[in-house]
Amino acid sequence: MSSGYPQNDYLEYSDPFAALAKADERSAFITRTYMNLAAAIFGLVALEFVLFQIPGIEQLVRMMVGNQISWLIVLGLFMGVSWIANSWALGATDLKVQYAGLGLYVVAQSIVLLPLLYIAYMVQPQAIYSAAGTTLALFGLLTGVVFLTRQDF
């Protein structure tokens, strides 16, 4: 029986909704989802680290948030790139294009977060490390619970 959706060699089931799949297929889907999320978060953190190492990044941040028009342009570009990334991630049947959409979104998100993180760093440098540690601990705990219990929440 065909569901009318294209078959993807990466997926073990033909139904497009993981909630309707068998328990072991849902578990595999959730595991892959969490691994992709972890990779995207790691990529975002790595990009932010690299961006903070660039000499003269202060001038770029000031240019991005210097006035309402420049910030509006930054947000407009972010919206456009996000739309492209989303269409790649959701509309493509090729797994490489989907990952390219995720990667493009991570890059766009890292650029739009740069001014916020820079301002936070200038006001209270330890706040970023504290927030990162808390986020890592909670994400790790949640991921551990999902991987260990295989519970369907």
C-alpha atoms as a PDB file:
ATOM      1  CA  MET A   1       0.000   0.000   0.000  1.00  0.00           C
ATOM      2  CA  SER A   2       1.455   3.340  -1.014  1.00  0.00           C
ATOM      3  CA  SER A   3       1.004   6.394   1.182  1.00  0.00           C
ATOM      4  CA  GLY A   4       1.585   8.781  -1.708  1.00  0.00           C
ATOM      5  CA  TYR A   5       4.798  10.064  -0.139  1.00  0.00           C
ATOM      6  CA  PRO A   6       8.195   9.501  -1.727  1.00  0.00           C
ATOM      7  CA  GLN A   7      10.225   6.703  -0.227  1.00  0.00           C
ATOM      8  CA  ASN A   8      13.469   7.736   1.413  1.00  0.00           C
ATOM      9  CA  ASP A   9      16.156   5.069   1.791  1.00  0.00           C
ATOM     10  CA  TYR A  10      17.097   6.596   5.135  1.00  0.00           C
ATOM     11  CA  LEU A  11      13.635   6.021   6.616  1.00  0.00           C
ATOM     12  CA  GLU A  12      12.499   2.528   7.509  1.00  0.00           C
ATOM     13  CA  TYR A  13       8.812   3.271   7.106  1.00  0.00           C
ATOM     14  CA  SER A  14       6.670   4.775   4.401  1.00  0.00           C
ATOM     15  CA  ASP A  15       4.303   6.760   6.624  1.00  0.00           C
ATOM     16  CA  PRO A  16       5.377  10.420   6.837  1.00  0.00           C
ATOM     17  CA  PHE A  17       4.366  10.723  10.488  1.00  0.00           C
ATOM     18  CA  ALA A  18       6.672   9.185  13.074  1.00  0.00           C
ATOM     19  CA  ALA A  19       3.842   9.103  15.607  1.00  0.00           C
ATOM     20  CA  LEU A  20       2.055   6.503  13.465  1.00  0.00           C
ATOM     21  CA  ALA A  21       5.103   4.272  13.046  1.00  0.00           C
ATOM     22  CA  LYS A  22       5.920   1.188  15.108  1.00  0.00           C
ATOM     23  CA  ALA A  23       7.581   1.765  18.496  1.00  0.00           C
ATOM     24  CA  ASP A  24      11.078   0.710  17.378  1.00  0.00           C
ATOM     25  CA  GLU A  25      10.835   2.913  14.287  1.00  0.00           C
ATOM     26  CA  ARG A  26       9.706   5.868  16.435  1.00  0.00           C
ATOM     27  CA  SER A  27      12.615   5.232  18.770  1.00  0.00           C
ATOM     28  CA  ALA A  28      15.096   5.223  15.870  1.00  0.00           C
ATOM     29  CA  PHE A  29      13.517   8.419  14.527  1.00  0.00           C
ATOM     30  CA  ILE A  30      13.757  10.152  17.916  1.00  0.00           C
ATOM     31  CA  THR A  31      17.381   9.056  18.319  1.00  0.00           C
ATOM     32  CA  ARG A  32      18.317  10.453  14.889  1.00  0.00           C
ATOM     33  CA  THR A  33      16.419  13.647  15.645  1.00  0.00           C
ATOM     34  CA  TYR A  34      18.296  14.189  18.899  1.00  0.00           C
ATOM     35  CA  MET A  35      21.622  13.458  17.224  1.00  0.00           C
ATOM     36  CA  ASN A  36      20.847  16.024  14.501  1.00  0.00           C
ATOM     37  CA  LEU A  37      19.804  18.555  17.136  1.00  0.00           C
ATOM     38  CA  ALA A  38      23.001  17.943  19.108  1.00  0.00           C
ATOM     39  CA  ALA A  39      25.089  18.397  15.947  1.00  0.00           C
ATOM     40  CA  ALA A  40      23.270  21.637  15.104  1.00  0.00           C
ATOM     41  CA  ILE A  41      23.794  23.007  18.617  1.00  0.00           C
ATOM     42  CA  PHE A  42      27.469  22.033  18.565  1.00  0.00           C
ATOM     43  CA  GLY A  43      27.819  23.680  15.156  1.00  0.00           C
ATOM     44  CA  LEU A  44      26.183  26.869  16.426  1.00  0.00           C
ATOM     45  CA  VAL A  45      28.484  27.007  19.446  1.00  0.00           C
ATOM     46  CA  ALA A  46      31.542  26.341  17.273  1.00  0.00           C
ATOM     47  CA  LEU A  47      30.543  29.085  14.811  1.00  0.00           C
ATOM     48  CA  GLU A  48      29.977  31.577  17.634  1.00  0.00           C
ATOM     49  CA  PHE A  49      33.396  30.712  19.054  1.00  0.00           C
ATOM     50  CA  VAL A  50      35.009  31.276  15.656  1.00  0.00           C
ATOM     51  CA  LEU A  51      33.121  34.544  15.132  1.00  0.00           C
ATOM     52  CA  PHE A  52      34.267  35.849  18.524  1.00  0.00           C
ATOM     53  CA  GLN A  53      37.890  35.144  17.530  1.00  0.00           C
ATOM     54  CA  ILE A  54      37.738  37.332  14.407  1.00  0.00           C
ATOM     55  CA  PRO A  55      39.724  40.550  14.903  1.00  0.00           C
ATOM     56  CA  GLY A  56      37.507  43.609  14.661  1.00  0.00           C
ATOM     57  CA  ILE A  57      34.270  41.747  15.336  1.00  0.00           C
ATOM     58  CA  GLU A  58      33.210  44.682  17.515  1.00  0.00           C
ATOM     59  CA  GLN A  59      32.885  46.873  14.439  1.00  0.00           C
ATOM     60  CA  LEU A  60      30.683  44.299  12.710  1.00  0.00           C
ATOM     61  CA  VAL A  61      28.425  44.066  15.754  1.00  0.00           C
ATOM     62  CA  ARG A  62      28.187  47.844  15.969  1.00  0.00           C
ATOM     63  CA  MET A  63      27.344  48.004  12.279  1.00  0.00           C
ATOM     64  CA  MET A  64      24.654  45.319  12.681  1.00  0.00           C
ATOM     65  CA  VAL A  65      22.891  47.037  15.580  1.00  0.00           C
ATOM     66  CA  GLY A  66      24.066  50.604  15.038  1.00  0.00           C
ATOM     67  CA  ASN A  67      20.650  51.893  14.072  1.00  0.00           C
ATOM     68  CA  GLN A  68      17.141  50.640  13.436  1.00  0.00           C
ATOM     69  CA  ILE A  69      17.590  50.347   9.682  1.00  0.00           C
ATOM     70  CA  SER A  70      20.730  48.209   9.875  1.00  0.00           C
ATOM     71  CA  TRP A  71      19.120  45.847  12.396  1.00  0.00           C
ATOM     72  CA  LEU A  72      16.009  45.701  10.207  1.00  0.00           C
ATOM     73  CA  ILE A  73      18.208  44.701   7.260  1.00  0.00           C
ATOM     74  CA  VAL A  74      19.913  42.013   9.364  1.00  0.00           C
ATOM     75  CA  LEU A  75      16.547  40.601  10.458  1.00  0.00           C
ATOM     76  CA  GLY A  76      15.185  40.784   6.907  1.00  0.00           C
ATOM     77  CA  LEU A  77      18.184  38.861   5.569  1.00  0.00           C
ATOM     78  CA  PHE A  78      17.782  36.347   8.397  1.00  0.00           C
ATOM     79  CA  MET A  79      14.126  35.847   7.465  1.00  0.00           C
ATOM     80  CA  GLY A  80      15.014  35.309   3.808  1.00  0.00           C
ATOM     81  CA  VAL A  81      17.818  32.857   4.541  1.00  0.00           C
ATOM     82  CA  SER A  82      15.615  31.056   7.087  1.00  0.00           C
ATOM     83  CA  TRP A  83      12.886  30.681   4.486  1.00  0.00           C
ATOM     84  CA  ILE A  84      15.371  29.164   2.010  1.00  0.00           C
ATOM     85  CA  ALA A  85      16.829  26.850   4.664  1.00  0.00           C
ATOM     86  CA  ASN A  86      13.366  25.758   5.756  1.00  0.00           C
ATOM     87  CA  SER A  87      12.290  25.001   2.193  1.00  0.00           C
ATOM     88  CA  TRP A  88      15.442  22.938   1.673  1.00  0.00           C
ATOM     89  CA  ALA A  89      14.994  21.065   4.938  1.00  0.00           C
ATOM     90  CA  LEU A  90      11.281  20.348   4.540  1.00  0.00           C
ATOM     91  CA  GLY A  91      10.753  20.248   0.808  1.00  0.00           C
ATOM     92  CA  ALA A  92      13.641  18.144  -0.423  1.00  0.00           C
ATOM     93  CA  THR A  93      13.618  14.378  -0.664  1.00  0.00           C
ATOM     94  CA  ASP A  94      17.419  14.278  -0.910  1.00  0.00           C
ATOM     95  CA  LEU A  95      18.991  13.932   2.530  1.00  0.00           C
ATOM     96  CA  LYS A  96      22.003  16.057   1.517  1.00  0.00           C
ATOM     97  CA  VAL A  97      19.752  18.991   0.638  1.00  0.00           C
ATOM     98  CA  GLN A  98      17.923  18.627   3.948  1.00  0.00           C
ATOM     99  CA  TYR A  99      21.215  18.735   5.853  1.00  0.00           C
ATOM    100  CA  ALA A 100      22.315  21.712   3.758  1.00  0.00           C
ATOM    101  CA  GLY A 101      19.128  23.484   4.879  1.00  0.00           C
ATOM    102  CA  LEU A 102      19.920  22.702   8.513  1.00  0.00           C
ATOM    103  CA  GLY A 103      23.495  23.913   8.069  1.00  0.00           C
ATOM    104  CA  LEU A 104      22.381  27.131   6.371  1.00  0.00           C
ATOM    105  CA  TYR A 105      19.958  27.827   9.203  1.00  0.00           C
ATOM    106  CA  VAL A 106      22.664  27.230  11.831  1.00  0.00           C
ATOM    107  CA  VAL A 107      24.959  29.711  10.064  1.00  0.00           C
ATOM    108  CA  ALA A 108      22.170  32.307   9.820  1.00  0.00           C
ATOM    109  CA  GLN A 109      21.240  31.806  13.470  1.00  0.00           C
ATOM    110  CA  SER A 110      24.863  32.212  14.556  1.00  0.00           C
ATOM    111  CA  ILE A 111      25.091  35.543  12.744  1.00  0.00           C
ATOM    112  CA  VAL A 112      21.852  36.895  14.176  1.00  0.00           C
ATOM    113  CA  LEU A 113      22.823  35.790  17.702  1.00  0.00           C
ATOM    114  CA  LEU A 114      26.244  37.428  17.458  1.00  0.00           C
ATOM    115  CA  PRO A 115      25.166  40.915  18.642  1.00  0.00           C
ATOM    116  CA  LEU A 116      23.179  39.513  21.560  1.00  0.00           C
ATOM    117  CA  LEU A 117      26.060  37.330  22.732  1.00  0.00           C
ATOM    118  CA  TYR A 118      28.578  40.121  22.216  1.00  0.00           C
ATOM    119  CA  ILE A 119      26.532  42.556  24.310  1.00  0.00           C
ATOM    120  CA  ALA A 120      26.045  39.909  27.004  1.00  0.00           C
ATOM    121  CA  TYR A 121      29.776  39.231  27.000  1.00  0.00           C
ATOM    122  CA  MET A 122      30.594  42.930  27.356  1.00  0.00           C
ATOM    123  CA  VAL A 123      28.129  43.392  30.231  1.00  0.00           C
ATOM    124  CA  GLN A 124      28.793  40.134  32.134  1.00  0.00           C
ATOM    125  CA  PRO A 125      31.358  37.772  30.550  1.00  0.00           C
ATOM    126  CA  GLN A 126      30.606  34.872  32.893  1.00  0.00           C
ATOM    127  CA  ALA A 127      26.892  34.906  32.013  1.00  0.00           C
ATOM    128  CA  ILE A 128      27.504  33.191  28.673  1.00  0.00           C
ATOM    129  CA  TYR A 129      29.496  30.384  30.303  1.00  0.00           C
ATOM    130  CA  SER A 130      26.864  29.946  32.993  1.00  0.00           C
ATOM    131  CA  ALA A 131      24.033  29.836  30.444  1.00  0.00           C
ATOM    132  CA  ALA A 132      26.005  27.444  28.230  1.00  0.00           C
ATOM    133  CA  GLY A 133      26.677  25.117  31.159  1.00  0.00           C
ATOM    134  CA  THR A 134      23.037  25.107  32.211  1.00  0.00           C
ATOM    135  CA  THR A 135      21.858  24.502  28.649  1.00  0.00           C
ATOM    136  CA  LEU A 136      24.383  21.701  28.155  1.00  0.00           C
ATOM    137  CA  ALA A 137      23.387  20.045  31.431  1.00  0.00           C
ATOM    138  CA  LEU A 138      19.651  20.199  30.708  1.00  0.00           C
ATOM    139  CA  PHE A 139      20.023  19.099  27.079  1.00  0.00           C
ATOM    140  CA  GLY A 140      22.331  16.274  28.155  1.00  0.00           C
ATOM    141  CA  LEU A 141      19.906  15.177  30.869  1.00  0.00           C
ATOM    142  CA  LEU A 142      16.922  15.211  28.527  1.00  0.00           C
ATOM    143  CA  THR A 143      18.852  13.393  25.801  1.00  0.00           C
ATOM    144  CA  GLY A 144      20.100  10.830  28.308  1.00  0.00           C
ATOM    145  CA  VAL A 145      16.578  10.165  29.542  1.00  0.00           C
ATOM    146  CA  VAL A 146      15.323   9.706  25.985  1.00  0.00           C
ATOM    147  CA  PHE A 147      18.201   7.420  24.960  1.00  0.00           C
ATOM    148  CA  LEU A 148      18.203   5.317  28.132  1.00  0.00           C
ATOM    149  CA  THR A 149      14.492   4.880  28.740  1.00  0.00           C
ATOM    150  CA  ARG A 150      13.341   4.809  25.098  1.00  0.00           C
ATOM    151  CA  GLN A 151      10.165   6.241  26.579  1.00  0.00           C
ATOM    152  CA  ASP A 152       7.589   7.611  24.166  1.00  0.00           C
ATOM    153  CA  PHE A 153       6.648  10.956  25.700  1.00  0.00           C
END
